[in-house]
Amino acid sequence: MKDLSRVRAIRYGIANESDAILRYKDTMIAAGHPVEIINCGIFVNPTKPCLGVSPDAIAFDPCEPFPWGTVEVKCPYSLKDATKEDLLSQDFFVEFDENCLPTLKKDHEHYMQVLG
């Protein structure tokens, strides 16, 4: 197996993942969602052990009708120096709902990766 720990983009993602999760939590709390974040590992389907997921975390939001969700963080190295204005002007994989909460675009390639 190839060692990817020296790949700049992977190091950047690993270094920023925890901060991204904290910012997500802070954003949700500021929007009135007292979300809790739980670290996790891999989940394997017991009836189909060839299927599994490894989200970056699990989120619990008691304000939602389906309170449990997965957290999948993307820290693109190509955007490491981007300003907020740069990010908002791009066709990015995040959009904001009517309550100004970030949500993943359903037609983006990462959407299928984060379905639980």
N, C-alpha and C. Protein backbone atom coordinates (compact mmCIF):
# COMPACT_ATOMS: atom_id res chain seq x y z
N MET A 1 0.85 -1.18 0.00
CA MET A 1 0.00 0.00 0.00
C MET A 1 0.89 1.24 0.00
N LYS A 2 0.54 2.20 -0.81
CA LYS A 2 1.34 3.41 -0.96
C LYS A 2 1.13 4.34 0.23
N ASP A 3 2.21 4.90 0.74
CA ASP A 3 2.15 5.86 1.84
C ASP A 3 1.77 7.23 1.28
N LEU A 4 0.60 7.72 1.66
CA LEU A 4 0.12 9.00 1.16
C LEU A 4 0.34 10.14 2.15
N SER A 5 0.99 9.85 3.27
CA SER A 5 1.14 10.86 4.33
C SER A 5 2.00 12.05 3.91
N ARG A 6 2.74 11.91 2.84
CA ARG A 6 3.58 13.03 2.39
C ARG A 6 2.92 13.87 1.30
N VAL A 7 1.76 13.47 0.87
CA VAL A 7 1.04 14.23 -0.15
C VAL A 7 0.51 15.51 0.50
N ARG A 8 0.90 16.63 -0.05
CA ARG A 8 0.58 17.94 0.53
C ARG A 8 -0.92 18.12 0.76
N ALA A 9 -1.73 17.76 -0.21
CA ALA A 9 -3.19 17.93 -0.09
C ALA A 9 -3.77 17.06 1.03
N ILE A 10 -3.25 15.86 1.19
CA ILE A 10 -3.73 14.97 2.25
C ILE A 10 -3.32 15.51 3.61
N ARG A 11 -2.08 15.96 3.73
CA ARG A 11 -1.62 16.55 5.01
C ARG A 11 -2.48 17.76 5.37
N TYR A 12 -2.78 18.58 4.37
CA TYR A 12 -3.61 19.77 4.60
C TYR A 12 -5.00 19.37 5.10
N GLY A 13 -5.60 18.38 4.46
CA GLY A 13 -6.93 17.93 4.87
C GLY A 13 -6.94 17.39 6.29
N ILE A 14 -5.96 16.58 6.62
CA ILE A 14 -5.87 16.02 7.97
C ILE A 14 -5.65 17.11 9.00
N ALA A 15 -4.79 18.07 8.69
CA ALA A 15 -4.49 19.15 9.63
C ALA A 15 -5.69 20.06 9.89
N ASN A 16 -6.59 20.18 8.93
CA ASN A 16 -7.71 21.11 9.06
C ASN A 16 -9.05 20.47 9.37
N GLU A 17 -9.10 19.16 9.40
CA GLU A 17 -10.38 18.46 9.60
C GLU A 17 -11.02 18.80 10.94
N SER A 18 -10.28 18.77 12.03
CA SER A 18 -10.84 19.06 13.36
C SER A 18 -11.39 20.47 13.43
N ASP A 19 -10.63 21.44 12.89
CA ASP A 19 -11.11 22.83 12.89
C ASP A 19 -12.38 22.97 12.07
N ALA A 20 -12.45 22.27 10.95
CA ALA A 20 -13.65 22.34 10.10
C ALA A 20 -14.86 21.79 10.84
N ILE A 21 -14.69 20.71 11.56
CA ILE A 21 -15.79 20.12 12.33
C ILE A 21 -16.23 21.08 13.43
N LEU A 22 -15.29 21.71 14.11
CA LEU A 22 -15.64 22.69 15.16
C LEU A 22 -16.39 23.88 14.56
N ARG A 23 -15.96 24.34 13.40
CA ARG A 23 -16.65 25.47 12.75
C ARG A 23 -18.06 25.08 12.33
N TYR A 24 -18.22 23.86 11.86
CA TYR A 24 -19.56 23.36 11.52
C TYR A 24 -20.44 23.38 12.77
N LYS A 25 -19.91 22.84 13.86
CA LYS A 25 -20.68 22.81 15.11
C LYS A 25 -21.05 24.22 15.56
N ASP A 26 -20.10 25.13 15.54
CA ASP A 26 -20.36 26.52 15.94
C ASP A 26 -21.41 27.17 15.05
N THR A 27 -21.34 26.91 13.74
CA THR A 27 -22.32 27.47 12.80
C THR A 27 -23.72 26.95 13.10
N MET A 28 -23.82 25.66 13.36
CA MET A 28 -25.12 25.07 13.65
C MET A 28 -25.69 25.59 14.97
N ILE A 29 -24.85 25.70 15.99
CA ILE A 29 -25.30 26.22 17.29
C ILE A 29 -25.76 27.66 17.15
N ALA A 30 -25.00 28.46 16.40
CA ALA A 30 -25.38 29.87 16.19
C ALA A 30 -26.72 29.99 15.47
N ALA A 31 -27.06 28.97 14.67
CA ALA A 31 -28.33 28.97 13.95
C ALA A 31 -29.46 28.34 14.76
N GLY A 32 -29.19 28.05 16.04
CA GLY A 32 -30.23 27.51 16.91
C GLY A 32 -30.36 26.00 16.91
N HIS A 33 -29.35 25.32 16.40
CA HIS A 33 -29.34 23.86 16.39
C HIS A 33 -28.26 23.37 17.36
N PRO A 34 -28.64 22.90 18.55
CA PRO A 34 -27.65 22.47 19.55
C PRO A 34 -27.02 21.12 19.19
N VAL A 35 -26.34 21.10 18.09
CA VAL A 35 -25.79 19.86 17.54
C VAL A 35 -24.64 19.34 18.42
N GLU A 36 -24.60 18.02 18.54
CA GLU A 36 -23.48 17.35 19.21
C GLU A 36 -22.72 16.57 18.15
N ILE A 37 -21.40 16.58 18.26
CA ILE A 37 -20.55 15.88 17.30
C ILE A 37 -19.88 14.71 18.03
N ILE A 38 -19.94 13.54 17.43
CA ILE A 38 -19.38 12.34 18.02
C ILE A 38 -18.36 11.76 17.05
N ASN A 39 -17.13 11.56 17.53
CA ASN A 39 -16.11 10.92 16.70
C ASN A 39 -16.50 9.46 16.48
N CYS A 40 -16.12 8.93 15.35
CA CYS A 40 -16.49 7.55 15.04
C CYS A 40 -15.42 6.91 14.17
N GLY A 41 -15.60 5.64 13.93
CA GLY A 41 -14.73 4.89 13.05
C GLY A 41 -15.52 4.39 11.86
N ILE A 42 -15.26 3.16 11.49
CA ILE A 42 -15.95 2.58 10.33
C ILE A 42 -17.22 1.85 10.78
N PHE A 43 -18.25 1.92 9.95
CA PHE A 43 -19.48 1.18 10.17
C PHE A 43 -19.60 0.16 9.04
N VAL A 44 -19.82 -1.09 9.40
CA VAL A 44 -19.95 -2.16 8.41
C VAL A 44 -21.36 -2.73 8.49
N ASN A 45 -21.99 -2.91 7.35
CA ASN A 45 -23.31 -3.51 7.29
C ASN A 45 -23.19 -4.98 7.71
N PRO A 46 -23.85 -5.38 8.82
CA PRO A 46 -23.68 -6.75 9.30
C PRO A 46 -24.23 -7.82 8.35
N THR A 47 -25.22 -7.47 7.54
CA THR A 47 -25.76 -8.46 6.60
C THR A 47 -25.05 -8.44 5.25
N LYS A 48 -24.33 -7.36 4.98
CA LYS A 48 -23.54 -7.25 3.74
C LYS A 48 -22.19 -6.65 4.11
N PRO A 49 -21.30 -7.46 4.69
CA PRO A 49 -20.04 -6.92 5.21
C PRO A 49 -19.12 -6.31 4.17
N CYS A 50 -19.46 -6.43 2.90
CA CYS A 50 -18.66 -5.77 1.88
C CYS A 50 -19.03 -4.29 1.78
N LEU A 51 -20.09 -3.87 2.47
CA LEU A 51 -20.51 -2.47 2.47
C LEU A 51 -20.17 -1.82 3.80
N GLY A 52 -19.53 -0.69 3.73
CA GLY A 52 -19.19 0.04 4.94
C GLY A 52 -19.02 1.52 4.66
N VAL A 53 -19.04 2.30 5.71
CA VAL A 53 -18.82 3.74 5.61
C VAL A 53 -17.87 4.16 6.71
N SER A 54 -17.14 5.22 6.47
CA SER A 54 -16.25 5.77 7.49
C SER A 54 -16.37 7.30 7.48
N PRO A 55 -17.47 7.83 8.03
CA PRO A 55 -17.62 9.28 8.07
C PRO A 55 -16.59 9.90 9.00
N ASP A 56 -16.39 11.19 8.86
CA ASP A 56 -15.45 11.88 9.73
C ASP A 56 -16.00 12.03 11.14
N ALA A 57 -17.32 12.07 11.27
CA ALA A 57 -17.98 12.15 12.58
C ALA A 57 -19.46 11.86 12.39
N ILE A 58 -20.15 11.75 13.52
CA ILE A 58 -21.60 11.61 13.54
C ILE A 58 -22.15 12.86 14.22
N ALA A 59 -23.24 13.39 13.68
CA ALA A 59 -23.86 14.57 14.28
C ALA A 59 -25.23 14.19 14.84
N PHE A 60 -25.55 14.76 16.00
CA PHE A 60 -26.88 14.60 16.59
C PHE A 60 -27.48 15.98 16.77
N ASP A 61 -28.62 16.21 16.12
CA ASP A 61 -29.31 17.49 16.21
C ASP A 61 -30.74 17.23 16.69
N PRO A 62 -31.02 17.47 17.98
CA PRO A 62 -32.34 17.17 18.53
C PRO A 62 -33.46 18.01 17.92
N CYS A 63 -33.12 19.05 17.17
CA CYS A 63 -34.14 19.91 16.54
C CYS A 63 -34.67 19.32 15.24
N GLU A 64 -34.01 18.32 14.72
CA GLU A 64 -34.39 17.76 13.42
C GLU A 64 -35.29 16.54 13.59
N PRO A 65 -36.20 16.30 12.62
CA PRO A 65 -37.05 15.11 12.71
C PRO A 65 -36.25 13.81 12.61
N PHE A 66 -35.17 13.83 11.87
CA PHE A 66 -34.23 12.71 11.82
C PHE A 66 -32.93 13.24 12.42
N PRO A 67 -32.73 13.08 13.73
CA PRO A 67 -31.67 13.81 14.42
C PRO A 67 -30.24 13.33 14.16
N TRP A 68 -30.06 12.11 13.67
CA TRP A 68 -28.72 11.59 13.46
C TRP A 68 -28.27 11.80 12.02
N GLY A 69 -27.02 12.20 11.85
CA GLY A 69 -26.48 12.40 10.51
C GLY A 69 -24.98 12.17 10.49
N THR A 70 -24.43 12.08 9.31
CA THR A 70 -22.99 11.91 9.17
C THR A 70 -22.34 13.24 8.85
N VAL A 71 -21.09 13.36 9.25
CA VAL A 71 -20.29 14.54 8.93
C VAL A 71 -19.14 14.07 8.05
N GLU A 72 -19.05 14.64 6.88
CA GLU A 72 -17.96 14.33 5.94
C GLU A 72 -17.30 15.65 5.60
N VAL A 73 -16.04 15.80 5.97
CA VAL A 73 -15.31 17.05 5.81
C VAL A 73 -14.49 17.02 4.53
N LYS A 74 -14.54 18.12 3.80
CA LYS A 74 -13.69 18.31 2.63
C LYS A 74 -12.91 19.60 2.85
N CYS A 75 -11.60 19.50 2.84
CA CYS A 75 -10.72 20.66 2.98
C CYS A 75 -9.86 20.72 1.72
N PRO A 76 -10.39 21.23 0.63
CA PRO A 76 -9.64 21.22 -0.63
C PRO A 76 -8.39 22.10 -0.57
N TYR A 77 -7.27 21.47 -0.81
CA TYR A 77 -6.00 22.19 -0.81
C TYR A 77 -6.01 23.29 -1.86
N SER A 78 -6.70 23.05 -2.95
CA SER A 78 -6.74 24.05 -4.03
C SER A 78 -7.42 25.34 -3.59
N LEU A 79 -8.15 25.31 -2.48
CA LEU A 79 -8.84 26.50 -1.99
C LEU A 79 -8.27 27.00 -0.67
N LYS A 80 -7.07 26.56 -0.32
CA LYS A 80 -6.52 26.89 1.00
C LYS A 80 -6.32 28.38 1.23
N ASP A 81 -6.09 29.14 0.19
CA ASP A 81 -5.87 30.58 0.34
C ASP A 81 -7.09 31.40 -0.09
N ALA A 82 -8.20 30.74 -0.33
CA ALA A 82 -9.40 31.44 -0.81
C ALA A 82 -10.04 32.27 0.31
N THR A 83 -10.56 33.41 -0.07
CA THR A 83 -11.31 34.23 0.88
C THR A 83 -12.76 33.77 0.89
N LYS A 84 -13.52 34.26 1.85
CA LYS A 84 -14.94 33.94 1.92
C LYS A 84 -15.63 34.37 0.62
N GLU A 85 -15.26 35.54 0.12
CA GLU A 85 -15.85 36.03 -1.13
C GLU A 85 -15.51 35.11 -2.30
N ASP A 86 -14.26 34.63 -2.34
CA ASP A 86 -13.86 33.69 -3.39
C ASP A 86 -14.74 32.44 -3.34
N LEU A 87 -14.93 31.92 -2.15
CA LEU A 87 -15.71 30.69 -2.00
C LEU A 87 -17.17 30.89 -2.40
N LEU A 88 -17.73 32.02 -2.02
CA LEU A 88 -19.14 32.29 -2.34
C LEU A 88 -19.36 32.52 -3.82
N SER A 89 -18.32 32.94 -4.54
CA SER A 89 -18.47 33.22 -5.97
C SER A 89 -18.25 31.97 -6.83
N GLN A 90 -17.80 30.89 -6.24
CA GLN A 90 -17.53 29.67 -7.00
C GLN A 90 -18.75 28.76 -7.05
N ASP A 91 -18.76 27.91 -8.05
CA ASP A 91 -19.77 26.86 -8.11
C ASP A 91 -19.28 25.73 -7.21
N PHE A 92 -19.52 25.90 -5.94
CA PHE A 92 -18.98 25.02 -4.91
C PHE A 92 -20.01 23.94 -4.58
N PHE A 93 -19.65 22.96 -3.79
CA PHE A 93 -20.58 21.89 -3.47
C PHE A 93 -21.50 22.21 -2.30
N VAL A 94 -21.39 23.40 -1.75
CA VAL A 94 -22.25 23.81 -0.64
C VAL A 94 -23.20 24.90 -1.12
N GLU A 95 -24.44 24.82 -0.65
CA GLU A 95 -25.38 25.91 -0.85
C GLU A 95 -26.03 26.19 0.50
N PHE A 96 -26.76 27.27 0.60
CA PHE A 96 -27.38 27.64 1.87
C PHE A 96 -28.89 27.56 1.73
N ASP A 97 -29.53 26.96 2.75
CA ASP A 97 -30.99 26.82 2.70
C ASP A 97 -31.66 28.12 3.13
N GLU A 98 -32.99 28.09 3.24
CA GLU A 98 -33.76 29.29 3.56
C GLU A 98 -33.44 29.85 4.94
N ASN A 99 -32.81 29.04 5.81
CA ASN A 99 -32.41 29.50 7.14
C ASN A 99 -30.93 29.86 7.20
N CYS A 100 -30.30 29.97 6.03
CA CYS A 100 -28.87 30.29 5.91
C CYS A 100 -27.98 29.20 6.48
N LEU A 101 -28.47 27.97 6.54
CA LEU A 101 -27.65 26.85 6.99
C LEU A 101 -26.99 26.20 5.79
N PRO A 102 -25.72 25.82 5.93
CA PRO A 102 -25.03 25.18 4.80
C PRO A 102 -25.59 23.78 4.56
N THR A 103 -25.73 23.45 3.31
CA THR A 103 -26.18 22.12 2.92
C THR A 103 -25.46 21.71 1.65
N LEU A 104 -25.31 20.43 1.46
CA LEU A 104 -24.60 19.92 0.30
C LEU A 104 -25.54 19.88 -0.90
N LYS A 105 -25.06 20.35 -2.03
CA LYS A 105 -25.86 20.29 -3.26
C LYS A 105 -26.12 18.83 -3.62
N LYS A 106 -27.37 18.51 -3.86
CA LYS A 106 -27.74 17.13 -4.14
C LYS A 106 -27.20 16.62 -5.48
N ASP A 107 -26.83 17.51 -6.38
CA ASP A 107 -26.31 17.08 -7.68
C ASP A 107 -24.78 17.08 -7.73
N HIS A 108 -24.12 17.26 -6.58
CA HIS A 108 -22.66 17.28 -6.56
C HIS A 108 -22.12 15.86 -6.36
N GLU A 109 -20.93 15.61 -6.90
CA GLU A 109 -20.34 14.28 -6.82
C GLU A 109 -20.10 13.81 -5.39
N HIS A 110 -19.89 14.70 -4.44
CA HIS A 110 -19.67 14.29 -3.05
C HIS A 110 -20.96 13.89 -2.34
N TYR A 111 -22.10 14.23 -2.90
CA TYR A 111 -23.38 13.95 -2.23
C TYR A 111 -23.56 12.46 -1.96
N MET A 112 -23.28 11.62 -2.93
CA MET A 112 -23.44 10.17 -2.74
C MET A 112 -22.49 9.63 -1.68
N GLN A 113 -21.34 10.27 -1.52
CA GLN A 113 -20.36 9.81 -0.54
C GLN A 113 -20.86 10.00 0.88
N VAL A 114 -21.68 11.00 1.11
CA VAL A 114 -22.07 11.31 2.49
C VAL A 114 -23.45 10.78 2.86
N LEU A 115 -24.13 10.12 1.94
CA LEU A 115 -25.41 9.52 2.30
C LEU A 115 -25.19 8.42 3.31
N GLY A 116 -26.03 8.37 4.33
CA GLY A 116 -25.85 7.38 5.40
C GLY A 116 -26.50 6.06 5.11
